[in-house]
């Protein structure tokens, strides 16, 4: 019985997301309802779709500056760093040092992502970030208050990269043709 309960708990959010929508009248001659999928099928596509919807809904959007390709390239970098980078972590005085490496195009993704995150988040909540490029990627040193030492160790590199709810606005700024790291 515990397995069945676990399955129900895991599937409940999926079922809750399904919506029903009326079918067009030409469908079997009468109105009926069916579940309509909400997930666009791929996370980068979904992020871009969300941003395009925001831009289209904003009458102040300056379409001459919009650059969805810049957002797509950034999402490629995010995926590469998240899924393909190798990370070695070691404690340093007051924090952690992360040596992030990759091969081929992943190297550039690492360098761009780590430098941008360090520039954006340095000083927020008294966390300090220093990024240095290497031939294989980058080194990120993060120092935090004593009270956040366990949190930093628990987050590790990729958790640190997600720290702070700035990513969504960062994506919107990229799409609008702005420079979020300056």
N, C-alpha and C. Protein backbone atom coordinates (compact mmCIF):
# COMPACT_ATOMS: atom_id res chain seq x y z
N UNK A 1 0.80 -1.21 0.00
CA UNK A 1 0.00 0.00 0.00
C UNK A 1 0.85 1.28 0.00
N UNK A 2 2.00 1.33 0.69
CA UNK A 2 2.79 2.55 0.65
C UNK A 2 3.23 2.93 -0.77
N UNK A 3 3.52 1.93 -1.62
CA UNK A 3 3.92 2.25 -3.00
C UNK A 3 2.78 2.91 -3.76
N UNK A 4 1.57 2.43 -3.58
CA UNK A 4 0.42 3.01 -4.26
C UNK A 4 0.20 4.45 -3.80
N UNK A 5 0.38 4.70 -2.53
CA UNK A 5 0.23 6.06 -1.99
C UNK A 5 1.32 6.96 -2.56
N UNK A 6 2.55 6.47 -2.63
CA UNK A 6 3.65 7.24 -3.19
C UNK A 6 3.37 7.57 -4.65
N UNK A 7 2.89 6.61 -5.42
CA UNK A 7 2.56 6.84 -6.82
C UNK A 7 1.48 7.91 -6.95
N UNK A 8 0.47 7.85 -6.11
CA UNK A 8 -0.60 8.84 -6.13
C UNK A 8 -0.06 10.23 -5.82
N UNK A 9 0.82 10.33 -4.82
CA UNK A 9 1.40 11.62 -4.45
C UNK A 9 2.24 12.17 -5.60
N UNK A 10 2.99 11.30 -6.27
CA UNK A 10 3.83 11.76 -7.37
C UNK A 10 3.02 12.15 -8.60
N UNK A 11 1.92 11.49 -8.85
CA UNK A 11 1.12 11.78 -10.04
C UNK A 11 0.11 12.90 -9.83
N UNK A 12 -0.25 13.19 -8.61
CA UNK A 12 -1.27 14.21 -8.34
C UNK A 12 -0.94 15.56 -8.97
N UNK A 13 0.30 16.07 -8.83
CA UNK A 13 0.58 17.36 -9.47
C UNK A 13 0.42 17.32 -10.98
N UNK A 14 0.78 16.23 -11.61
CA UNK A 14 0.63 16.11 -13.06
C UNK A 14 -0.84 16.14 -13.45
N UNK A 15 -1.64 15.42 -12.72
CA UNK A 15 -3.07 15.40 -13.02
C UNK A 15 -3.69 16.76 -12.77
N UNK A 16 -3.23 17.44 -11.73
CA UNK A 16 -3.79 18.75 -11.40
C UNK A 16 -3.48 19.77 -12.48
N UNK A 17 -2.37 19.61 -13.20
CA UNK A 17 -2.01 20.56 -14.24
C UNK A 17 -2.84 20.41 -15.50
N UNK A 18 -3.36 19.21 -15.76
CA UNK A 18 -4.16 19.01 -16.96
C UNK A 18 -5.40 19.88 -16.90
N UNK A 19 -5.76 20.48 -18.01
CA UNK A 19 -6.96 21.30 -18.07
C UNK A 19 -7.89 20.72 -19.12
N UNK A 20 -9.14 21.04 -18.99
CA UNK A 20 -10.06 20.63 -20.03
C UNK A 20 -10.46 21.86 -20.82
N UNK A 21 -10.69 21.65 -22.08
CA UNK A 21 -11.08 22.74 -22.96
C UNK A 21 -12.16 22.23 -23.90
N UNK A 22 -13.09 23.11 -24.25
CA UNK A 22 -14.13 22.67 -25.19
C UNK A 22 -13.52 22.36 -26.54
N UNK A 23 -14.04 21.32 -27.14
CA UNK A 23 -13.61 20.95 -28.49
C UNK A 23 -14.41 21.79 -29.48
N UNK A 24 -13.84 22.08 -30.62
CA UNK A 24 -14.59 22.83 -31.63
C UNK A 24 -15.86 22.09 -32.03
N UNK A 25 -16.89 22.83 -32.43
CA UNK A 25 -18.17 22.19 -32.77
C UNK A 25 -18.05 21.13 -33.87
N UNK A 26 -17.10 21.25 -34.79
CA UNK A 26 -16.98 20.27 -35.87
C UNK A 26 -16.45 18.93 -35.37
N UNK A 27 -16.00 18.88 -34.14
CA UNK A 27 -15.48 17.63 -33.58
C UNK A 27 -16.67 16.75 -33.17
N UNK A 28 -16.98 15.75 -33.94
CA UNK A 28 -18.09 14.81 -33.69
C UNK A 28 -19.43 15.53 -33.59
N UNK A 29 -19.54 16.72 -34.14
CA UNK A 29 -20.82 17.40 -34.22
C UNK A 29 -21.35 17.98 -32.93
N UNK A 30 -20.67 17.82 -31.82
CA UNK A 30 -21.17 18.37 -30.56
C UNK A 30 -19.99 18.85 -29.73
N UNK A 31 -20.27 19.73 -28.78
CA UNK A 31 -19.22 20.22 -27.89
C UNK A 31 -18.88 19.11 -26.89
N UNK A 32 -17.60 18.84 -26.74
CA UNK A 32 -17.15 17.92 -25.71
C UNK A 32 -15.89 18.51 -25.11
N UNK A 33 -15.40 17.89 -24.08
CA UNK A 33 -14.18 18.41 -23.46
C UNK A 33 -13.11 17.34 -23.50
N UNK A 34 -11.88 17.81 -23.48
CA UNK A 34 -10.75 16.89 -23.41
C UNK A 34 -9.63 17.59 -22.67
N UNK A 35 -8.69 16.82 -22.17
CA UNK A 35 -7.53 17.39 -21.49
C UNK A 35 -6.65 18.09 -22.52
N UNK A 36 -6.11 19.23 -22.14
CA UNK A 36 -5.22 20.00 -23.00
C UNK A 36 -3.86 20.06 -22.31
N UNK A 37 -2.81 19.64 -22.98
CA UNK A 37 -1.49 19.68 -22.35
C UNK A 37 -1.04 21.12 -22.11
N UNK A 38 -0.36 21.35 -21.01
CA UNK A 38 0.16 22.68 -20.69
C UNK A 38 1.65 22.78 -20.94
N UNK A 39 2.36 21.69 -20.79
CA UNK A 39 3.82 21.69 -20.94
C UNK A 39 4.19 21.71 -22.42
N UNK A 40 5.01 22.70 -22.85
CA UNK A 40 5.35 22.78 -24.27
C UNK A 40 6.34 21.72 -24.73
N UNK A 41 6.85 20.88 -23.83
CA UNK A 41 7.64 19.74 -24.24
C UNK A 41 9.13 19.84 -24.02
N UNK A 42 9.67 21.03 -23.81
CA UNK A 42 11.11 21.18 -23.61
C UNK A 42 11.32 22.47 -22.84
N UNK A 43 12.17 22.44 -21.83
CA UNK A 43 12.27 23.57 -20.91
C UNK A 43 12.80 24.84 -21.56
N UNK A 44 13.79 24.77 -22.43
CA UNK A 44 14.29 25.98 -23.08
C UNK A 44 13.20 26.57 -23.98
N UNK A 45 12.50 25.72 -24.70
CA UNK A 45 11.40 26.17 -25.55
C UNK A 45 10.34 26.86 -24.69
N UNK A 46 10.04 26.26 -23.53
CA UNK A 46 9.03 26.84 -22.63
C UNK A 46 9.47 28.20 -22.10
N UNK A 47 10.75 28.33 -21.75
CA UNK A 47 11.26 29.61 -21.26
C UNK A 47 11.14 30.68 -22.34
N UNK A 48 11.50 30.32 -23.57
CA UNK A 48 11.41 31.27 -24.67
C UNK A 48 9.95 31.62 -24.95
N UNK A 49 9.09 30.62 -24.94
CA UNK A 49 7.66 30.86 -25.18
C UNK A 49 7.09 31.82 -24.14
N UNK A 50 7.48 31.63 -22.89
CA UNK A 50 7.01 32.51 -21.81
C UNK A 50 7.47 33.95 -22.05
N UNK A 51 8.72 34.13 -22.40
CA UNK A 51 9.25 35.47 -22.64
C UNK A 51 8.57 36.12 -23.85
N UNK A 52 8.39 35.36 -24.93
CA UNK A 52 7.71 35.90 -26.11
C UNK A 52 6.29 36.36 -25.73
N UNK A 53 5.59 35.57 -24.92
CA UNK A 53 4.25 35.96 -24.47
C UNK A 53 4.27 37.26 -23.68
N UNK A 54 5.26 37.42 -22.81
CA UNK A 54 5.39 38.66 -22.02
C UNK A 54 5.65 39.84 -22.94
N UNK A 55 6.56 39.66 -23.89
CA UNK A 55 6.88 40.74 -24.82
C UNK A 55 5.68 41.12 -25.67
N UNK A 56 4.94 40.12 -26.14
CA UNK A 56 3.76 40.40 -26.97
C UNK A 56 2.66 41.10 -26.18
N UNK A 57 2.57 40.80 -24.89
CA UNK A 57 1.53 41.42 -24.06
C UNK A 57 1.89 42.84 -23.62
N UNK A 58 3.14 43.22 -23.78
CA UNK A 58 3.61 44.54 -23.34
C UNK A 58 3.60 45.51 -24.52
N UNK A 59 2.67 46.49 -24.53
CA UNK A 59 2.61 47.42 -25.65
C UNK A 59 3.87 48.30 -25.76
N UNK A 60 4.67 48.36 -24.71
CA UNK A 60 5.89 49.17 -24.73
C UNK A 60 7.10 48.40 -25.29
N UNK A 61 6.91 47.15 -25.68
CA UNK A 61 8.02 46.37 -26.24
C UNK A 61 8.57 47.06 -27.47
N UNK A 62 9.87 47.28 -27.48
CA UNK A 62 10.55 47.85 -28.64
C UNK A 62 11.09 46.68 -29.45
N UNK A 63 10.31 46.27 -30.45
CA UNK A 63 10.65 45.08 -31.24
C UNK A 63 11.94 45.26 -32.03
N UNK A 64 12.37 46.48 -32.23
CA UNK A 64 13.63 46.70 -32.95
C UNK A 64 14.84 46.30 -32.10
N UNK A 65 14.64 46.15 -30.80
CA UNK A 65 15.73 45.76 -29.90
C UNK A 65 15.62 44.31 -29.43
N UNK A 66 14.48 43.69 -29.64
CA UNK A 66 14.26 42.32 -29.16
C UNK A 66 15.26 41.38 -29.82
N UNK A 67 15.82 40.47 -28.98
CA UNK A 67 16.82 39.53 -29.48
C UNK A 67 16.58 38.17 -28.81
N UNK A 68 15.63 37.43 -29.33
CA UNK A 68 15.30 36.12 -28.78
C UNK A 68 16.46 35.15 -28.98
N UNK A 69 17.25 35.34 -30.04
CA UNK A 69 18.40 34.48 -30.27
C UNK A 69 19.42 34.60 -29.12
N UNK A 70 19.60 35.78 -28.56
CA UNK A 70 20.52 35.94 -27.42
C UNK A 70 20.02 35.11 -26.24
N UNK A 71 18.72 35.12 -26.01
CA UNK A 71 18.15 34.30 -24.94
C UNK A 71 18.37 32.82 -25.24
N UNK A 72 18.14 32.40 -26.47
CA UNK A 72 18.35 31.00 -26.83
C UNK A 72 19.80 30.58 -26.57
N UNK A 73 20.75 31.41 -26.95
CA UNK A 73 22.16 31.10 -26.72
C UNK A 73 22.47 30.99 -25.23
N UNK A 74 21.88 31.87 -24.43
CA UNK A 74 22.07 31.82 -22.98
C UNK A 74 21.49 30.52 -22.40
N UNK A 75 20.34 30.11 -22.90
CA UNK A 75 19.73 28.86 -22.42
C UNK A 75 20.59 27.65 -22.81
N UNK A 76 21.22 27.71 -23.96
CA UNK A 76 22.17 26.66 -24.36
C UNK A 76 23.32 26.62 -23.35
N UNK A 77 23.85 27.80 -23.00
CA UNK A 77 24.92 27.86 -21.99
C UNK A 77 24.46 27.26 -20.67
N UNK A 78 23.26 27.62 -20.24
CA UNK A 78 22.73 27.09 -18.98
C UNK A 78 22.66 25.56 -19.02
N UNK A 79 22.16 25.03 -20.11
CA UNK A 79 22.05 23.58 -20.24
C UNK A 79 23.42 22.92 -20.23
N UNK A 80 24.36 23.50 -20.97
CA UNK A 80 25.71 22.93 -21.04
C UNK A 80 26.37 22.89 -19.67
N UNK A 81 26.28 23.99 -18.93
CA UNK A 81 26.90 24.05 -17.61
C UNK A 81 26.21 23.09 -16.64
N UNK A 82 24.90 23.04 -16.68
CA UNK A 82 24.15 22.18 -15.77
C UNK A 82 24.38 20.70 -16.06
N UNK A 83 24.39 20.32 -17.32
CA UNK A 83 24.40 18.91 -17.68
C UNK A 83 25.77 18.35 -18.07
N UNK A 84 26.70 19.20 -18.52
CA UNK A 84 27.93 18.66 -19.07
C UNK A 84 29.21 19.07 -18.36
N UNK A 85 29.17 20.09 -17.53
CA UNK A 85 30.39 20.54 -16.85
C UNK A 85 30.77 19.59 -15.73
N UNK A 86 32.08 19.45 -15.54
CA UNK A 86 32.61 18.70 -14.39
C UNK A 86 32.99 19.71 -13.32
N UNK A 87 32.74 19.37 -12.08
CA UNK A 87 33.00 20.30 -10.98
C UNK A 87 33.78 19.60 -9.88
N UNK A 88 34.85 20.25 -9.45
CA UNK A 88 35.57 19.81 -8.27
C UNK A 88 35.45 20.93 -7.25
N UNK A 89 35.06 20.57 -6.03
CA UNK A 89 34.85 21.56 -4.98
C UNK A 89 35.81 21.30 -3.83
N UNK A 90 36.30 22.40 -3.26
CA UNK A 90 37.13 22.26 -2.07
C UNK A 90 36.88 23.45 -1.15
N UNK A 91 36.89 23.18 0.14
CA UNK A 91 36.70 24.28 1.10
C UNK A 91 37.88 25.25 1.05
N UNK A 92 37.58 26.52 1.22
CA UNK A 92 38.58 27.57 1.39
C UNK A 92 38.17 28.38 2.60
N UNK A 93 39.06 29.22 3.07
CA UNK A 93 38.75 30.03 4.24
C UNK A 93 37.50 30.87 3.98
N UNK A 94 36.44 30.61 4.71
CA UNK A 94 35.20 31.37 4.59
C UNK A 94 34.26 30.91 3.49
N UNK A 95 34.57 29.81 2.82
CA UNK A 95 33.67 29.39 1.76
C UNK A 95 34.12 28.17 1.00
N UNK A 96 33.87 28.20 -0.31
CA UNK A 96 34.18 27.08 -1.19
C UNK A 96 34.78 27.60 -2.48
N UNK A 97 35.63 26.77 -3.07
CA UNK A 97 36.17 27.05 -4.40
C UNK A 97 35.72 25.93 -5.32
N UNK A 98 35.16 26.31 -6.46
CA UNK A 98 34.67 25.36 -7.44
C UNK A 98 35.51 25.48 -8.71
N UNK A 99 36.10 24.38 -9.12
CA UNK A 99 36.85 24.32 -10.38
C UNK A 99 35.92 23.64 -11.38
N UNK A 100 35.43 24.42 -12.34
CA UNK A 100 34.44 23.95 -13.29
C UNK A 100 35.12 23.78 -14.64
N UNK A 101 35.00 22.59 -15.22
CA UNK A 101 35.69 22.35 -16.49
C UNK A 101 34.78 21.62 -17.47
N UNK A 102 35.19 21.72 -18.72
CA UNK A 102 34.46 21.04 -19.78
C UNK A 102 35.34 20.90 -21.00
N UNK A 103 34.73 20.47 -22.08
CA UNK A 103 35.44 20.34 -23.35
C UNK A 103 34.62 21.02 -24.44
N UNK A 104 35.28 21.35 -25.52
CA UNK A 104 34.60 21.94 -26.67
C UNK A 104 33.80 23.17 -26.30
N UNK A 105 32.59 23.30 -26.84
CA UNK A 105 31.78 24.50 -26.59
C UNK A 105 31.37 24.67 -25.13
N UNK A 106 31.45 23.61 -24.34
CA UNK A 106 31.08 23.71 -22.92
C UNK A 106 32.02 24.67 -22.19
N UNK A 107 33.27 24.75 -22.61
CA UNK A 107 34.24 25.65 -21.98
C UNK A 107 33.74 27.09 -22.03
N UNK A 108 33.33 27.55 -23.20
CA UNK A 108 32.81 28.91 -23.34
C UNK A 108 31.55 29.12 -22.52
N UNK A 109 30.69 28.12 -22.49
CA UNK A 109 29.46 28.21 -21.68
C UNK A 109 29.81 28.42 -20.22
N UNK A 110 30.76 27.64 -19.72
CA UNK A 110 31.20 27.76 -18.33
C UNK A 110 31.73 29.17 -18.07
N UNK A 111 32.60 29.64 -18.93
CA UNK A 111 33.22 30.95 -18.74
C UNK A 111 32.17 32.06 -18.72
N UNK A 112 31.23 32.02 -19.64
CA UNK A 112 30.19 33.05 -19.69
C UNK A 112 29.27 32.99 -18.48
N UNK A 113 28.82 31.79 -18.14
CA UNK A 113 27.87 31.64 -17.03
C UNK A 113 28.49 32.01 -15.68
N UNK A 114 29.68 31.52 -15.42
CA UNK A 114 30.32 31.77 -14.12
C UNK A 114 30.64 33.25 -13.97
N UNK A 115 31.20 33.88 -15.00
CA UNK A 115 31.52 35.31 -14.92
C UNK A 115 30.26 36.14 -14.72
N UNK A 116 29.20 35.82 -15.46
CA UNK A 116 27.95 36.58 -15.35
C UNK A 116 27.33 36.42 -13.96
N UNK A 117 27.32 35.20 -13.44
CA UNK A 117 26.72 34.97 -12.13
C UNK A 117 27.52 35.69 -11.04
N UNK A 118 28.84 35.61 -11.12
CA UNK A 118 29.67 36.28 -10.12
C UNK A 118 29.44 37.79 -10.14
N UNK A 119 29.36 38.37 -11.34
CA UNK A 119 29.14 39.81 -11.46
C UNK A 119 27.77 40.22 -10.94
N UNK A 120 26.77 39.40 -11.20
CA UNK A 120 25.40 39.71 -10.81
C UNK A 120 25.18 39.55 -9.30
N UNK A 121 25.75 38.51 -8.73
CA UNK A 121 25.40 38.15 -7.35
C UNK A 121 26.42 38.58 -6.29
N UNK A 122 27.58 39.08 -6.69
CA UNK A 122 28.59 39.47 -5.70
C UNK A 122 28.03 40.51 -4.73
N UNK A 123 28.10 40.19 -3.45
CA UNK A 123 27.64 41.10 -2.41
C UNK A 123 26.21 40.89 -1.95
N UNK A 124 25.40 40.17 -2.73
CA UNK A 124 24.01 39.92 -2.35
C UNK A 124 24.00 39.01 -1.11
N UNK A 125 23.28 39.42 -0.10
CA UNK A 125 23.17 38.68 1.17
C UNK A 125 24.54 38.43 1.79
N UNK A 126 25.49 39.32 1.52
CA UNK A 126 26.85 39.23 2.05
C UNK A 126 27.58 37.98 1.56
N UNK A 127 27.19 37.46 0.39
CA UNK A 127 27.91 36.39 -0.28
C UNK A 127 28.82 37.05 -1.30
N UNK A 128 30.06 36.60 -1.38
CA UNK A 128 31.02 37.21 -2.30
C UNK A 128 31.52 36.18 -3.30
N UNK A 129 31.56 36.60 -4.55
CA UNK A 129 31.90 35.73 -5.67
C UNK A 129 33.11 36.29 -6.41
N UNK A 130 34.04 35.43 -6.71
CA UNK A 130 35.19 35.79 -7.55
C UNK A 130 35.33 34.71 -8.62
N UNK A 131 35.34 35.14 -9.87
CA UNK A 131 35.44 34.20 -10.99
C UNK A 131 36.73 34.45 -11.75
N UNK A 132 37.39 33.36 -12.10
CA UNK A 132 38.61 33.42 -12.90
C UNK A 132 38.49 32.41 -14.03
N UNK A 133 38.75 32.87 -15.25
CA UNK A 133 38.74 31.96 -16.41
C UNK A 133 39.96 31.05 -16.37
N UNK A 134 39.75 29.81 -16.81
CA UNK A 134 40.86 28.87 -17.01
C UNK A 134 40.76 28.34 -18.44
N UNK A 135 41.76 27.63 -18.88
CA UNK A 135 41.75 27.07 -20.24
C UNK A 135 40.62 26.06 -20.41
N UNK A 136 40.21 25.40 -19.31
CA UNK A 136 39.16 24.38 -19.38
C UNK A 136 37.80 24.88 -18.91
N UNK A 137 37.70 26.12 -18.43
CA UNK A 137 36.44 26.63 -17.92
C UNK A 137 36.64 27.80 -17.00
N UNK A 138 36.42 27.59 -15.70
CA UNK A 138 36.54 28.69 -14.75
C UNK A 138 36.70 28.16 -13.33
N UNK A 139 37.18 29.04 -12.48
CA UNK A 139 37.21 28.78 -11.04
C UNK A 139 36.31 29.82 -10.40
N UNK A 140 35.39 29.37 -9.57
CA UNK A 140 34.49 30.25 -8.85
C UNK A 140 34.76 30.08 -7.36
N UNK A 141 35.12 31.18 -6.71
CA UNK A 141 35.32 31.16 -5.26
C UNK A 141 34.17 31.93 -4.62
N UNK A 142 33.51 31.29 -3.67
CA UNK A 142 32.36 31.89 -3.00
C UNK A 142 32.65 31.92 -1.50
N UNK A 143 32.58 33.10 -0.91
CA UNK A 143 32.74 33.23 0.53
C UNK A 143 31.44 33.78 1.09
N UNK A 144 31.07 33.25 2.24
CA UNK A 144 29.78 33.58 2.84
C UNK A 144 29.95 33.79 4.35
N UNK A 145 28.95 34.42 5.00
CA UNK A 145 29.01 34.54 6.45
C UNK A 145 29.05 33.15 7.11
N UNK A 146 29.60 33.08 8.28
CA UNK A 146 29.71 31.82 9.02
C UNK A 146 28.37 31.10 9.09
N UNK A 147 27.30 31.85 9.29
CA UNK A 147 25.97 31.24 9.42
C UNK A 147 25.48 30.57 8.14
N UNK A 148 26.11 30.87 6.99
CA UNK A 148 25.70 30.28 5.71
C UNK A 148 26.66 29.20 5.20
N UNK A 149 27.65 28.82 6.00
CA UNK A 149 28.64 27.84 5.56
C UNK A 149 27.99 26.50 5.20
N UNK A 150 27.11 25.99 6.04
CA UNK A 150 26.46 24.71 5.77
C UNK A 150 25.58 24.81 4.51
N UNK A 151 24.92 25.93 4.36
CA UNK A 151 24.07 26.15 3.18
C UNK A 151 24.91 26.12 1.91
N UNK A 152 26.05 26.80 1.92
CA UNK A 152 26.94 26.82 0.77
C UNK A 152 27.41 25.42 0.42
N UNK A 153 27.82 24.67 1.42
CA UNK A 153 28.28 23.29 1.16
C UNK A 153 27.13 22.45 0.60
N UNK A 154 25.95 22.62 1.14
CA UNK A 154 24.79 21.86 0.67
C UNK A 154 24.38 22.22 -0.75
N UNK A 155 24.47 23.49 -1.10
CA UNK A 155 24.10 23.92 -2.45
C UNK A 155 25.09 23.41 -3.49
N UNK A 156 26.37 23.41 -3.16
CA UNK A 156 27.36 23.05 -4.16
C UNK A 156 27.35 24.04 -5.31
N UNK A 157 28.10 23.73 -6.33
CA UNK A 157 28.24 24.66 -7.46
C UNK A 157 26.92 24.99 -8.13
N UNK A 158 26.18 23.97 -8.56
CA UNK A 158 24.98 24.26 -9.34
C UNK A 158 23.90 24.92 -8.49
N UNK A 159 23.85 24.58 -7.21
CA UNK A 159 22.92 25.26 -6.31
C UNK A 159 23.28 26.74 -6.16
N UNK A 160 24.59 27.01 -6.07
CA UNK A 160 25.05 28.40 -6.00
C UNK A 160 24.65 29.15 -7.27
N UNK A 161 24.75 28.49 -8.41
CA UNK A 161 24.39 29.14 -9.68
C UNK A 161 22.90 29.47 -9.75
N UNK A 162 22.08 28.72 -9.04
CA UNK A 162 20.65 29.00 -9.05
C UNK A 162 20.25 29.97 -7.94
N UNK A 163 21.15 30.24 -7.04
CA UNK A 163 20.88 31.09 -5.86
C UNK A 163 20.48 32.50 -6.29
N UNK A 164 19.37 32.96 -5.79
CA UNK A 164 18.86 34.29 -6.11
C UNK A 164 17.84 34.21 -7.23
N UNK A 165 16.73 34.87 -7.06
CA UNK A 165 15.66 34.81 -8.07
C UNK A 165 15.85 35.89 -9.13
N UNK A 166 17.03 35.94 -9.72
CA UNK A 166 17.30 36.93 -10.74
C UNK A 166 17.22 36.37 -12.16
N UNK A 167 17.19 35.07 -12.29
CA UNK A 167 17.28 34.46 -13.62
C UNK A 167 16.13 34.84 -14.55
N UNK A 168 14.92 34.88 -14.02
CA UNK A 168 13.78 35.16 -14.88
C UNK A 168 13.87 36.58 -15.46
N UNK A 169 14.20 37.56 -14.62
CA UNK A 169 14.33 38.93 -15.13
C UNK A 169 15.55 39.06 -16.05
N UNK A 170 16.58 38.30 -15.75
CA UNK A 170 17.78 38.25 -16.59
C UNK A 170 17.39 37.78 -17.99
N UNK A 171 16.56 36.77 -18.10
CA UNK A 171 16.11 36.25 -19.39
C UNK A 171 15.29 37.29 -20.14
N UNK A 172 14.43 37.99 -19.43
CA UNK A 172 13.61 39.02 -20.06
C UNK A 172 14.50 40.16 -20.57
N UNK A 173 15.50 40.54 -19.78
CA UNK A 173 16.41 41.60 -20.21
C UNK A 173 17.19 41.18 -21.47
N UNK A 174 17.68 39.94 -21.49
CA UNK A 174 18.38 39.45 -22.68
C UNK A 174 17.49 39.52 -23.91
N UNK A 175 16.26 39.06 -23.76
CA UNK A 175 15.32 39.04 -24.89
C UNK A 175 14.98 40.45 -25.36
N UNK A 176 14.95 41.40 -24.45
CA UNK A 176 14.65 42.79 -24.81
C UNK A 176 15.86 43.50 -25.42
N UNK A 177 16.98 42.78 -25.53
CA UNK A 177 18.16 43.38 -26.12
C UNK A 177 18.96 44.21 -25.14
N UNK A 178 18.70 44.05 -23.84
CA UNK A 178 19.43 44.78 -22.81
C UNK A 178 20.64 43.97 -22.37
N UNK A 179 21.51 44.57 -21.61
CA UNK A 179 22.73 43.92 -21.14
C UNK A 179 22.65 43.77 -19.62
N UNK A 180 22.17 42.62 -19.14
CA UNK A 180 21.91 42.45 -17.70
C UNK A 180 23.15 42.37 -16.82
N UNK A 181 24.34 42.25 -17.39
CA UNK A 181 25.54 42.11 -16.56
C UNK A 181 26.33 43.41 -16.44
N UNK A 182 25.75 44.51 -16.87
CA UNK A 182 26.46 45.79 -16.78
C UNK A 182 25.77 46.70 -15.80
